[in-house]
Amino acid sequence: MKLAGYSLSLLVLTTSALAQSQAEMNREAAADFAKADAALNKMYTKVLAALDDEGKKKLKAAQRAWVVFRDAEADLQADSEARGGSLAPLIYDNTRTTLTNERIKAFKEMLKNSER
């Protein structure tokens, strides 16, 4: 049963059925993160524009702290699941992508709430 759960985790981590080697999957995961990060930066700019000066100051501080958290969390996940292995970069970038997409959702909610 545990093996089935592990296999499912690997399937979730795999970014594309087209990527055949670990190096290709790692590159694809890095590219996926780059896309998510670009989308986050666009959303961040929109949220920032909707805030007053005090809100902008607080968002900038929060975002700087969040980026440090995101990267540290991804490093922890990669280390705990594949320390030093070829799978570690995939886990690292997939974790950063997942957390970045969650942050984008949070920013969308902020925008939605600011329009009320």
PDB file of N, CA and C in Angstrom:
ATOM      1  N   MET A   1       0.826  -1.196   0.000  1.00  0.00           N
ATOM      2  CA  MET A   1       0.000   0.000   0.000  1.00  0.00           C
ATOM      3  C   MET A   1       0.869   1.258   0.000  1.00  0.00           C
ATOM      4  N   LYS A   2       1.930   1.248   0.813  1.00  0.00           N
ATOM      5  CA  LYS A   2       2.803   2.399   0.852  1.00  0.00           C
ATOM      6  C   LYS A   2       3.474   2.618  -0.499  1.00  0.00           C
ATOM      7  N   LEU A   3       3.843   1.536  -1.160  1.00  0.00           N
ATOM      8  CA  LEU A   3       4.466   1.633  -2.464  1.00  0.00           C
ATOM      9  C   LEU A   3       3.530   2.296  -3.466  1.00  0.00           C
ATOM     10  N   ALA A   4       2.249   1.979  -3.409  1.00  0.00           N
ATOM     11  CA  ALA A   4       1.279   2.593  -4.316  1.00  0.00           C
ATOM     12  C   ALA A   4       1.210   4.096  -4.084  1.00  0.00           C
ATOM     13  N   GLY A   5       1.234   4.525  -2.828  1.00  0.00           N
ATOM     14  CA  GLY A   5       1.222   5.950  -2.510  1.00  0.00           C
ATOM     15  C   GLY A   5       2.461   6.639  -3.028  1.00  0.00           C
ATOM     16  N   TYR A   6       3.597   5.976  -2.897  1.00  0.00           N
ATOM     17  CA  TYR A   6       4.854   6.533  -3.383  1.00  0.00           C
ATOM     18  C   TYR A   6       4.822   6.663  -4.903  1.00  0.00           C
ATOM     19  N   SER A   7       4.308   5.641  -5.586  1.00  0.00           N
ATOM     20  CA  SER A   7       4.205   5.698  -7.037  1.00  0.00           C
ATOM     21  C   SER A   7       3.312   6.843  -7.480  1.00  0.00           C
ATOM     22  N   LEU A   8       2.223   7.055  -6.751  1.00  0.00           N
ATOM     23  CA  LEU A   8       1.329   8.158  -7.069  1.00  0.00           C
ATOM     24  C   LEU A   8       2.052   9.483  -6.886  1.00  0.00           C
ATOM     25  N   SER A   9       2.853   9.592  -5.825  1.00  0.00           N
ATOM     26  CA  SER A   9       3.619  10.819  -5.601  1.00  0.00           C
ATOM     27  C   SER A   9       4.561  11.089  -6.756  1.00  0.00           C
ATOM     28  N   LEU A  10       5.200  10.053  -7.258  1.00  0.00           N
ATOM     29  CA  LEU A  10       6.104  10.237  -8.385  1.00  0.00           C
ATOM     30  C   LEU A  10       5.357  10.692  -9.628  1.00  0.00           C
ATOM     31  N   LEU A  11       4.162  10.161  -9.829  1.00  0.00           N
ATOM     32  CA  LEU A  11       3.372  10.593 -10.983  1.00  0.00           C
ATOM     33  C   LEU A  11       2.996  12.059 -10.863  1.00  0.00           C
ATOM     34  N   VAL A  12       2.650  12.488  -9.668  1.00  0.00           N
ATOM     35  CA  VAL A  12       2.289  13.884  -9.452  1.00  0.00           C
ATOM     36  C   VAL A  12       3.498  14.773  -9.688  1.00  0.00           C
ATOM     37  N   LEU A  13       4.679  14.295  -9.279  1.00  0.00           N
ATOM     38  CA  LEU A  13       5.879  15.091  -9.454  1.00  0.00           C
ATOM     39  C   LEU A  13       6.297  15.212 -10.911  1.00  0.00           C
ATOM     40  N   THR A  14       5.970  14.230 -11.703  1.00  0.00           N
ATOM     41  CA  THR A  14       6.381  14.244 -13.098  1.00  0.00           C
ATOM     42  C   THR A  14       5.643  15.354 -13.832  1.00  0.00           C
ATOM     43  N   THR A  15       6.408  16.244 -14.428  1.00  0.00           N
ATOM     44  CA  THR A  15       5.790  17.412 -15.047  1.00  0.00           C
ATOM     45  C   THR A  15       5.210  17.106 -16.406  1.00  0.00           C
ATOM     46  N   SER A  16       5.752  16.122 -17.104  1.00  0.00           N
ATOM     47  CA  SER A  16       5.228  15.818 -18.427  1.00  0.00           C
ATOM     48  C   SER A  16       5.572  14.402 -18.829  1.00  0.00           C
ATOM     49  N   ALA A  17       4.634  13.773 -19.502  1.00  0.00           N
ATOM     50  CA  ALA A  17       4.888  12.429 -20.009  1.00  0.00           C
ATOM     51  C   ALA A  17       5.877  12.488 -21.168  1.00  0.00           C
ATOM     52  N   LEU A  18       6.072  13.657 -21.743  1.00  0.00           N
ATOM     53  CA  LEU A  18       6.984  13.801 -22.870  1.00  0.00           C
ATOM     54  C   LEU A  18       8.445  13.824 -22.433  1.00  0.00           C
ATOM     55  N   ALA A  19       8.710  14.284 -21.235  1.00  0.00           N
ATOM     56  CA  ALA A  19      10.080  14.328 -20.746  1.00  0.00           C
ATOM     57  C   ALA A  19      10.516  12.906 -20.405  1.00  0.00           C
ATOM     58  N   GLN A  20      11.614  12.454 -21.013  1.00  0.00           N
ATOM     59  CA  GLN A  20      12.017  11.061 -20.864  1.00  0.00           C
ATOM     60  C   GLN A  20      13.103  10.861 -19.823  1.00  0.00           C
ATOM     61  N   SER A  21      14.082  11.728 -19.749  1.00  0.00           N
ATOM     62  CA  SER A  21      15.169  11.541 -18.791  1.00  0.00           C
ATOM     63  C   SER A  21      14.947  12.417 -17.568  1.00  0.00           C
ATOM     64  N   GLN A  22      15.668  12.120 -16.503  1.00  0.00           N
ATOM     65  CA  GLN A  22      15.569  12.933 -15.291  1.00  0.00           C
ATOM     66  C   GLN A  22      15.999  14.368 -15.586  1.00  0.00           C
ATOM     67  N   ALA A  23      17.049  14.524 -16.367  1.00  0.00           N
ATOM     68  CA  ALA A  23      17.516  15.872 -16.716  1.00  0.00           C
ATOM     69  C   ALA A  23      16.438  16.646 -17.471  1.00  0.00           C
ATOM     70  N   GLU A  24      15.737  15.975 -18.388  1.00  0.00           N
ATOM     71  CA  GLU A  24      14.660  16.637 -19.128  1.00  0.00           C
ATOM     72  C   GLU A  24      13.519  17.020 -18.193  1.00  0.00           C
ATOM     73  N   MET A  25      13.171  16.120 -17.276  1.00  0.00           N
ATOM     74  CA  MET A  25      12.101  16.427 -16.322  1.00  0.00           C
ATOM     75  C   MET A  25      12.509  17.587 -15.423  1.00  0.00           C
ATOM     76  N   ASN A  26      13.773  17.627 -15.008  1.00  0.00           N
ATOM     77  CA  ASN A  26      14.261  18.731 -14.182  1.00  0.00           C
ATOM     78  C   ASN A  26      14.178  20.052 -14.942  1.00  0.00           C
ATOM     79  N   ARG A  27      14.582  20.034 -16.219  1.00  0.00           N
ATOM     80  CA  ARG A  27      14.502  21.265 -17.031  1.00  0.00           C
ATOM     81  C   ARG A  27      13.055  21.704 -17.203  1.00  0.00           C
ATOM     82  N   GLU A  28      12.180  20.756 -17.428  1.00  0.00           N
ATOM     83  CA  GLU A  28      10.767  21.095 -17.612  1.00  0.00           C
ATOM     84  C   GLU A  28      10.161  21.660 -16.317  1.00  0.00           C
ATOM     85  N   ALA A  29      10.537  21.087 -15.196  1.00  0.00           N
ATOM     86  CA  ALA A  29      10.055  21.599 -13.909  1.00  0.00           C
ATOM     87  C   ALA A  29      10.559  23.021 -13.688  1.00  0.00           C
ATOM     88  N   ALA A  30      11.809  23.284 -14.056  1.00  0.00           N
ATOM     89  CA  ALA A  30      12.362  24.639 -13.927  1.00  0.00           C
ATOM     90  C   ALA A  30      11.614  25.611 -14.841  1.00  0.00           C
ATOM     91  N   ALA A  31      11.277  25.166 -16.043  1.00  0.00           N
ATOM     92  CA  ALA A  31      10.523  26.017 -16.969  1.00  0.00           C
ATOM     93  C   ALA A  31       9.112  26.278 -16.447  1.00  0.00           C
ATOM     94  N   ASP A  32       8.488  25.255 -15.867  1.00  0.00           N
ATOM     95  CA  ASP A  32       7.152  25.429 -15.279  1.00  0.00           C
ATOM     96  C   ASP A  32       7.198  26.453 -14.150  1.00  0.00           C
ATOM     97  N   PHE A  33       8.248  26.369 -13.332  1.00  0.00           N
ATOM     98  CA  PHE A  33       8.381  27.341 -12.254  1.00  0.00           C
ATOM     99  C   PHE A  33       8.563  28.748 -12.814  1.00  0.00           C
ATOM    100  N   ALA A  34       9.378  28.885 -13.848  1.00  0.00           N
ATOM    101  CA  ALA A  34       9.610  30.205 -14.441  1.00  0.00           C
ATOM    102  C   ALA A  34       8.291  30.818 -14.924  1.00  0.00           C
ATOM    103  N   LYS A  35       7.429  29.995 -15.519  1.00  0.00           N
ATOM    104  CA  LYS A  35       6.119  30.482 -15.976  1.00  0.00           C
ATOM    105  C   LYS A  35       5.258  30.920 -14.791  1.00  0.00           C
ATOM    106  N   ALA A  36       5.241  30.101 -13.748  1.00  0.00           N
ATOM    107  CA  ALA A  36       4.441  30.439 -12.561  1.00  0.00           C
ATOM    108  C   ALA A  36       4.977  31.706 -11.905  1.00  0.00           C
ATOM    109  N   ASP A  37       6.294  31.839 -11.847  1.00  0.00           N
ATOM    110  CA  ASP A  37       6.903  33.008 -11.227  1.00  0.00           C
ATOM    111  C   ASP A  37       6.575  34.271 -12.019  1.00  0.00           C
ATOM    112  N   ALA A  38       6.575  34.170 -13.346  1.00  0.00           N
ATOM    113  CA  ALA A  38       6.208  35.324 -14.177  1.00  0.00           C
ATOM    114  C   ALA A  38       4.752  35.715 -13.934  1.00  0.00           C
ATOM    115  N   ALA A  39       3.880  34.718 -13.813  1.00  0.00           N
ATOM    116  CA  ALA A  39       2.461  34.993 -13.533  1.00  0.00           C
ATOM    117  C   ALA A  39       2.304  35.623 -12.153  1.00  0.00           C
ATOM    118  N   LEU A  40       3.083  35.154 -11.192  1.00  0.00           N
ATOM    119  CA  LEU A  40       3.038  35.729  -9.845  1.00  0.00           C
ATOM    120  C   LEU A  40       3.460  37.195  -9.883  1.00  0.00           C
ATOM    121  N   ASN A  41       4.521  37.488 -10.603  1.00  0.00           N
ATOM    122  CA  ASN A  41       4.997  38.873 -10.676  1.00  0.00           C
ATOM    123  C   ASN A  41       3.955  39.801 -11.291  1.00  0.00           C
ATOM    124  N   LYS A  42       3.236  39.318 -12.292  1.00  0.00           N
ATOM    125  CA  LYS A  42       2.159  40.115 -12.895  1.00  0.00           C
ATOM    126  C   LYS A  42       1.044  40.367 -11.882  1.00  0.00           C
ATOM    127  N   MET A  43       0.676  39.320 -11.160  1.00  0.00           N
ATOM    128  CA  MET A  43      -0.402  39.453 -10.175  1.00  0.00           C
ATOM    129  C   MET A  43       0.044  40.358  -9.018  1.00  0.00           C
ATOM    130  N   TYR A  44       1.280  40.229  -8.608  1.00  0.00           N
ATOM    131  CA  TYR A  44       1.843  41.070  -7.543  1.00  0.00           C
ATOM    132  C   TYR A  44       1.742  42.544  -7.937  1.00  0.00           C
ATOM    133  N   THR A  45       2.074  42.849  -9.175  1.00  0.00           N
ATOM    134  CA  THR A  45       2.000  44.221  -9.670  1.00  0.00           C
ATOM    135  C   THR A  45       0.563  44.744  -9.620  1.00  0.00           C
ATOM    136  N   LYS A  46      -0.392  43.889  -9.980  1.00  0.00           N
ATOM    137  CA  LYS A  46      -1.802  44.289  -9.932  1.00  0.00           C
ATOM    138  C   LYS A  46      -2.256  44.560  -8.498  1.00  0.00           C
ATOM    139  N   VAL A  47      -1.876  43.677  -7.587  1.00  0.00           N
ATOM    140  CA  VAL A  47      -2.266  43.857  -6.187  1.00  0.00           C
ATOM    141  C   VAL A  47      -1.622  45.116  -5.631  1.00  0.00           C
ATOM    142  N   LEU A  48      -0.352  45.297  -5.926  1.00  0.00           N
ATOM    143  CA  LEU A  48       0.369  46.473  -5.451  1.00  0.00           C
ATOM    144  C   LEU A  48      -0.315  47.756  -5.914  1.00  0.00           C
ATOM    145  N   ALA A  49      -0.764  47.779  -7.161  1.00  0.00           N
ATOM    146  CA  ALA A  49      -1.421  48.962  -7.719  1.00  0.00           C
ATOM    147  C   ALA A  49      -2.753  49.263  -7.030  1.00  0.00           C
ATOM    148  N   ALA A  50      -3.365  48.256  -6.441  1.00  0.00           N
ATOM    149  CA  ALA A  50      -4.668  48.435  -5.799  1.00  0.00           C
ATOM    150  C   ALA A  50      -4.551  48.908  -4.349  1.00  0.00           C
ATOM    151  N   LEU A  51      -3.331  48.999  -3.827  1.00  0.00           N
ATOM    152  CA  LEU A  51      -3.136  49.340  -2.413  1.00  0.00           C
ATOM    153  C   LEU A  51      -2.721  50.790  -2.219  1.00  0.00           C
ATOM    154  N   ASP A  52      -2.988  51.298  -1.024  1.00  0.00           N
ATOM    155  CA  ASP A  52      -2.480  52.618  -0.666  1.00  0.00           C
ATOM    156  C   ASP A  52      -1.017  52.468  -0.242  1.00  0.00           C
ATOM    157  N   ASP A  53      -0.376  53.567   0.110  1.00  0.00           N
ATOM    158  CA  ASP A  53       1.058  53.536   0.427  1.00  0.00           C
ATOM    159  C   ASP A  53       1.388  52.588   1.581  1.00  0.00           C
ATOM    160  N   GLU A  54       0.576  52.624   2.616  1.00  0.00           N
ATOM    161  CA  GLU A  54       0.822  51.732   3.765  1.00  0.00           C
ATOM    162  C   GLU A  54       0.653  50.269   3.362  1.00  0.00           C
ATOM    163  N   GLY A  55      -0.371  49.982   2.589  1.00  0.00           N
ATOM    164  CA  GLY A  55      -0.596  48.619   2.121  1.00  0.00           C
ATOM    165  C   GLY A  55       0.538  48.140   1.224  1.00  0.00           C
ATOM    166  N   LYS A  56       1.037  49.032   0.362  1.00  0.00           N
ATOM    167  CA  LYS A  56       2.157  48.678  -0.511  1.00  0.00           C
ATOM    168  C   LYS A  56       3.394  48.318   0.305  1.00  0.00           C
ATOM    169  N   LYS A  57       3.648  49.108   1.316  1.00  0.00           N
ATOM    170  CA  LYS A  57       4.808  48.857   2.181  1.00  0.00           C
ATOM    171  C   LYS A  57       4.691  47.485   2.839  1.00  0.00           C
ATOM    172  N   LYS A  58       3.508  47.175   3.344  1.00  0.00           N
ATOM    173  CA  LYS A  58       3.293  45.897   4.019  1.00  0.00           C
ATOM    174  C   LYS A  58       3.344  44.714   3.043  1.00  0.00           C
ATOM    175  N   LEU A  59       2.775  44.904   1.850  1.00  0.00           N
ATOM    176  CA  LEU A  59       2.819  43.829   0.865  1.00  0.00           C
ATOM    177  C   LEU A  59       4.256  43.548   0.433  1.00  0.00           C
ATOM    178  N   LYS A  60       5.034  44.589   0.213  1.00  0.00           N
ATOM    179  CA  LYS A  60       6.433  44.384  -0.185  1.00  0.00           C
ATOM    180  C   LYS A  60       7.188  43.591   0.878  1.00  0.00           C
ATOM    181  N   ALA A  61       6.991  43.931   2.139  1.00  0.00           N
ATOM    182  CA  ALA A  61       7.658  43.202   3.226  1.00  0.00           C
ATOM    183  C   ALA A  61       7.175  41.753   3.280  1.00  0.00           C
ATOM    184  N   ALA A  62       5.872  41.579   3.149  1.00  0.00           N
ATOM    185  CA  ALA A  62       5.300  40.231   3.194  1.00  0.00           C
ATOM    186  C   ALA A  62       5.795  39.391   2.020  1.00  0.00           C
ATOM    187  N   GLN A  63       5.882  39.992   0.845  1.00  0.00           N
ATOM    188  CA  GLN A  63       6.301  39.243  -0.334  1.00  0.00           C
ATOM    189  C   GLN A  63       7.773  38.837  -0.234  1.00  0.00           C
ATOM    190  N   ARG A  64       8.595  39.740   0.269  1.00  0.00           N
ATOM    191  CA  ARG A  64      10.013  39.380   0.458  1.00  0.00           C
ATOM    192  C   ARG A  64      10.130  38.195   1.411  1.00  0.00           C
ATOM    193  N   ALA A  65       9.388  38.230   2.501  1.00  0.00           N
ATOM    194  CA  ALA A  65       9.415  37.131   3.471  1.00  0.00           C
ATOM    195  C   ALA A  65       8.839  35.855   2.863  1.00  0.00           C
ATOM    196  N   TRP A  66       7.787  35.988   2.082  1.00  0.00           N
ATOM    197  CA  TRP A  66       7.165  34.810   1.473  1.00  0.00           C
ATOM    198  C   TRP A  66       8.113  34.120   0.501  1.00  0.00           C
ATOM    199  N   VAL A  67       8.857  34.894  -0.297  1.00  0.00           N
ATOM    200  CA  VAL A  67       9.806  34.300  -1.251  1.00  0.00           C
ATOM    201  C   VAL A  67      10.877  33.509  -0.503  1.00  0.00           C
ATOM    202  N   VAL A  68      11.357  34.051   0.597  1.00  0.00           N
ATOM    203  CA  VAL A  68      12.342  33.325   1.410  1.00  0.00           C
ATOM    204  C   VAL A  68      11.725  32.034   1.930  1.00  0.00           C
ATOM    205  N   PHE A  69      10.489  32.109   2.432  1.00  0.00           N
ATOM    206  CA  PHE A  69       9.791  30.910   2.911  1.00  0.00           C
ATOM    207  C   PHE A  69       9.623  29.891   1.792  1.00  0.00           C
ATOM    208  N   ARG A  70       9.130  30.338   0.630  1.00  0.00           N
ATOM    209  CA  ARG A  70       8.873  29.424  -0.487  1.00  0.00           C
ATOM    210  C   ARG A  70      10.128  28.648  -0.862  1.00  0.00           C
ATOM    211  N   ASP A  71      11.218  29.372  -0.999  1.00  0.00           N
ATOM    212  CA  ASP A  71      12.453  28.719  -1.411  1.00  0.00           C
ATOM    213  C   ASP A  71      13.002  27.795  -0.324  1.00  0.00           C
ATOM    214  N   ALA A  72      12.877  28.200   0.932  1.00  0.00           N
ATOM    215  CA  ALA A  72      13.330  27.349   2.032  1.00  0.00           C
ATOM    216  C   ALA A  72      12.465  26.098   2.153  1.00  0.00           C
ATOM    217  N   GLU A  73      11.170  26.244   1.969  1.00  0.00           N
ATOM    218  CA  GLU A  73      10.253  25.102   2.018  1.00  0.00           C
ATOM    219  C   GLU A  73      10.564  24.124   0.891  1.00  0.00           C
ATOM    220  N   ALA A  74      10.819  24.652  -0.296  1.00  0.00           N
ATOM    221  CA  ALA A  74      11.165  23.798  -1.436  1.00  0.00           C
ATOM    222  C   ALA A  74      12.482  23.075  -1.188  1.00  0.00           C
ATOM    223  N   ASP A  75      13.437  23.766  -0.603  1.00  0.00           N
ATOM    224  CA  ASP A  75      14.720  23.150  -0.277  1.00  0.00           C
ATOM    225  C   ASP A  75      14.541  22.028   0.740  1.00  0.00           C
ATOM    226  N   LEU A  76      13.703  22.272   1.732  1.00  0.00           N
ATOM    227  CA  LEU A  76      13.415  21.245   2.739  1.00  0.00           C
ATOM    228  C   LEU A  76      12.763  20.022   2.106  1.00  0.00           C
ATOM    229  N   GLN A  77      11.776  20.236   1.242  1.00  0.00           N
ATOM    230  CA  GLN A  77      11.097  19.114   0.595  1.00  0.00           C
ATOM    231  C   GLN A  77      12.065  18.304  -0.261  1.00  0.00           C
ATOM    232  N   ALA A  78      12.876  18.991  -1.045  1.00  0.00           N
ATOM    233  CA  ALA A  78      13.832  18.300  -1.911  1.00  0.00           C
ATOM    234  C   ALA A  78      14.845  17.524  -1.081  1.00  0.00           C
ATOM    235  N   ASP A  79      15.290  18.124   0.008  1.00  0.00           N
ATOM    236  CA  ASP A  79      16.264  17.465   0.870  1.00  0.00           C
ATOM    237  C   ASP A  79      15.665  16.254   1.569  1.00  0.00           C
ATOM    238  N   SER A  80      14.456  16.403   2.076  1.00  0.00           N
ATOM    239  CA  SER A  80      13.855  15.302   2.834  1.00  0.00           C
ATOM    240  C   SER A  80      13.422  14.143   1.949  1.00  0.00           C
ATOM    241  N   GLU A  81      13.133  14.424   0.683  1.00  0.00           N
ATOM    242  CA  GLU A  81      12.666  13.366  -0.209  1.00  0.00           C
ATOM    243  C   GLU A  81      13.755  12.798  -1.117  1.00  0.00           C
ATOM    244  N   ALA A  82      14.806  13.582  -1.380  1.00  0.00           N
ATOM    245  CA  ALA A  82      15.804  13.101  -2.351  1.00  0.00           C
ATOM    246  C   ALA A  82      17.163  13.758  -2.142  1.00  0.00           C
ATOM    247  N   ARG A  83      17.618  13.835  -0.920  1.00  0.00           N
ATOM    248  CA  ARG A  83      18.879  14.518  -0.622  1.00  0.00           C
ATOM    249  C   ARG A  83      19.993  14.092  -1.579  1.00  0.00           C
ATOM    250  N   GLY A  84      20.496  15.062  -2.313  1.00  0.00           N
ATOM    251  CA  GLY A  84      21.632  14.827  -3.186  1.00  0.00           C
ATOM    252  C   GLY A  84      21.334  14.009  -4.433  1.00  0.00           C
ATOM    253  N   GLY A  85      20.104  13.570  -4.589  1.00  0.00           N
ATOM    254  CA  GLY A  85      19.766  12.740  -5.735  1.00  0.00           C
ATOM    255  C   GLY A  85      19.355  13.549  -6.948  1.00  0.00           C
ATOM    256  N   SER A  86      19.244  12.864  -8.054  1.00  0.00           N
ATOM    257  CA  SER A  86      18.882  13.544  -9.300  1.00  0.00           C
ATOM    258  C   SER A  86      17.432  14.006  -9.306  1.00  0.00           C
ATOM    259  N   LEU A  87      16.629  13.464  -8.401  1.00  0.00           N
ATOM    260  CA  LEU A  87      15.225  13.865  -8.288  1.00  0.00           C
ATOM    261  C   LEU A  87      15.059  15.173  -7.504  1.00  0.00           C
ATOM    262  N   ALA A  88      16.072  15.553  -6.735  1.00  0.00           N
ATOM    263  CA  ALA A  88      15.962  16.735  -5.873  1.00  0.00           C
ATOM    264  C   ALA A  88      15.602  18.015  -6.634  1.00  0.00           C
ATOM    265  N   PRO A  89      16.230  18.309  -7.775  1.00  0.00           N
ATOM    266  CA  PRO A  89      15.838  19.544  -8.486  1.00  0.00           C
ATOM    267  C   PRO A  89      14.376  19.539  -8.942  1.00  0.00           C
ATOM    268  N   LEU A  90      13.886  18.371  -9.311  1.00  0.00           N
ATOM    269  CA  LEU A  90      12.479  18.255  -9.724  1.00  0.00           C
ATOM    270  C   LEU A  90      11.557  18.564  -8.551  1.00  0.00           C
ATOM    271  N   ILE A  91      11.853  17.986  -7.419  1.00  0.00           N
ATOM    272  CA  ILE A  91      11.041  18.227  -6.222  1.00  0.00           C
ATOM    273  C   ILE A  91      11.119  19.698  -5.830  1.00  0.00           C
ATOM    274  N   TYR A  92      12.324  20.258  -5.867  1.00  0.00           N
ATOM    275  CA  TYR A  92      12.522  21.666  -5.520  1.00  0.00           C
ATOM    276  C   TYR A  92      11.667  22.578  -6.402  1.00  0.00           C
ATOM    277  N   ASP A  93      11.783  22.413  -7.711  1.00  0.00           N
ATOM    278  CA  ASP A  93      11.028  23.292  -8.605  1.00  0.00           C
ATOM    279  C   ASP A  93       9.533  23.019  -8.581  1.00  0.00           C
ATOM    280  N   ASN A  94       9.132  21.769  -8.437  1.00  0.00           N
ATOM    281  CA  ASN A  94       7.694  21.481  -8.341  1.00  0.00           C
ATOM    282  C   ASN A  94       7.096  22.077  -7.076  1.00  0.00           C
ATOM    283  N   THR A  95       7.841  22.030  -5.979  1.00  0.00           N
ATOM    284  CA  THR A  95       7.356  22.638  -4.736  1.00  0.00           C
ATOM    285  C   THR A  95       7.245  24.149  -4.899  1.00  0.00           C
ATOM    286  N   ARG A  96       8.251  24.769  -5.499  1.00  0.00           N
ATOM    287  CA  ARG A  96       8.186  26.224  -5.722  1.00  0.00           C
ATOM    288  C   ARG A  96       7.016  26.580  -6.637  1.00  0.00           C
ATOM    289  N   THR A  97       6.772  25.757  -7.650  1.00  0.00           N
ATOM    290  CA  THR A  97       5.646  26.014  -8.552  1.00  0.00           C
ATOM    291  C   THR A  97       4.321  25.905  -7.809  1.00  0.00           C
ATOM    292  N   THR A  98       4.165  24.857  -7.024  1.00  0.00           N
ATOM    293  CA  THR A  98       2.925  24.664  -6.262  1.00  0.00           C
ATOM    294  C   THR A  98       2.679  25.830  -5.309  1.00  0.00           C
ATOM    295  N   LEU A  99       3.705  26.208  -4.554  1.00  0.00           N
ATOM    296  CA  LEU A  99       3.548  27.317  -3.607  1.00  0.00           C
ATOM    297  C   LEU A  99       3.301  28.635  -4.335  1.00  0.00           C
ATOM    298  N   THR A 100       3.928  28.828  -5.464  1.00  0.00           N
ATOM    299  CA  THR A 100       3.726  30.049  -6.248  1.00  0.00           C
ATOM    300  C   THR A 100       2.300  30.123  -6.780  1.00  0.00           C
ATOM    301  N   ASN A 101       1.789  29.001  -7.252  1.00  0.00           N
ATOM    302  CA  ASN A 101       0.397  28.985  -7.731  1.00  0.00           C
ATOM    303  C   ASN A 101      -0.585  29.254  -6.589  1.00  0.00           C
ATOM    304  N   GLU A 102      -0.281  28.766  -5.403  1.00  0.00           N
ATOM    305  CA  GLU A 102      -1.121  29.074  -4.240  1.00  0.00           C
ATOM    306  C   GLU A 102      -1.072  30.562  -3.913  1.00  0.00           C
ATOM    307  N   ARG A 103       0.100  31.169  -4.042  1.00  0.00           N
ATOM    308  CA  ARG A 103       0.244  32.599  -3.777  1.00  0.00           C
ATOM    309  C   ARG A 103      -0.537  33.415  -4.814  1.00  0.00           C
ATOM    310  N   ILE A 104      -0.520  32.970  -6.055  1.00  0.00           N
ATOM    311  CA  ILE A 104      -1.304  33.646  -7.095  1.00  0.00           C
ATOM    312  C   ILE A 104      -2.784  33.623  -6.730  1.00  0.00           C
ATOM    313  N   LYS A 105      -3.271  32.481  -6.260  1.00  0.00           N
ATOM    314  CA  LYS A 105      -4.683  32.391  -5.839  1.00  0.00           C
ATOM    315  C   LYS A 105      -4.969  33.359  -4.699  1.00  0.00           C
ATOM    316  N   ALA A 106      -4.037  33.450  -3.758  1.00  0.00           N
ATOM    317  CA  ALA A 106      -4.219  34.371  -2.634  1.00  0.00           C
ATOM    318  C   ALA A 106      -4.262  35.820  -3.123  1.00  0.00           C
ATOM    319  N   PHE A 107      -3.404  36.156  -4.079  1.00  0.00           N
ATOM    320  CA  PHE A 107      -3.413  37.510  -4.637  1.00  0.00           C
ATOM    321  C   PHE A 107      -4.724  37.794  -5.371  1.00  0.00           C
ATOM    322  N   LYS A 108      -5.237  36.808  -6.084  1.00  0.00           N
ATOM    323  CA  LYS A 108      -6.520  36.990  -6.768  1.00  0.00           C
ATOM    324  C   LYS A 108      -7.626  37.282  -5.761  1.00  0.00           C
ATOM    325  N   GLU A 109      -7.593  36.592  -4.639  1.00  0.00           N
ATOM    326  CA  GLU A 109      -8.579  36.848  -3.578  1.00  0.00           C
ATOM    327  C   GLU A 109      -8.414  38.262  -3.027  1.00  0.00           C
ATOM    328  N   MET A 110      -7.163  38.688  -2.824  1.00  0.00           N
ATOM    329  CA  MET A 110      -6.910  40.053  -2.342  1.00  0.00           C
ATOM    330  C   MET A 110      -7.513  41.068  -3.301  1.00  0.00           C
ATOM    331  N   LEU A 111      -7.298  40.870  -4.592  1.00  0.00           N
ATOM    332  CA  LEU A 111      -7.845  41.796  -5.583  1.00  0.00           C
ATOM    333  C   LEU A 111      -9.363  41.800  -5.553  1.00  0.00           C
ATOM    334  N   LYS A 112      -9.930  40.601  -5.484  1.00  0.00           N
ATOM    335  CA  LYS A 112     -11.385  40.471  -5.451  1.00  0.00           C
ATOM    336  C   LYS A 112     -11.955  41.197  -4.226  1.00  0.00           C
ATOM    337  N   ASN A 113     -11.308  41.025  -3.090  1.00  0.00           N
ATOM    338  CA  ASN A 113     -11.774  41.678  -1.850  1.00  0.00           C
ATOM    339  C   ASN A 113     -11.560  43.184  -1.877  1.00  0.00           C
ATOM    340  N   SER A 114     -10.532  43.637  -2.566  1.00  0.00           N
ATOM    341  CA  SER A 114     -10.278  45.089  -2.611  1.00  0.00           C
ATOM    342  C   SER A 114     -11.268  45.810  -3.513  1.00  0.00           C
ATOM    343  N   GLU A 115     -11.918  45.064  -4.396  1.00  0.00           N
ATOM    344  CA  GLU A 115     -12.893  45.665  -5.297  1.00  0.00           C
ATOM    345  C   GLU A 115     -14.269  45.836  -4.639  1.00  0.00           C
ATOM    346  N   ARG A 116     -14.424  45.301  -3.462  1.00  0.00           N
ATOM    347  CA  ARG A 116     -15.722  45.394  -2.770  1.00  0.00           C
ATOM    348  C   ARG A 116     -15.892  46.708  -2.092  1.00  0.00           C
TER     349      ARG A 116
END
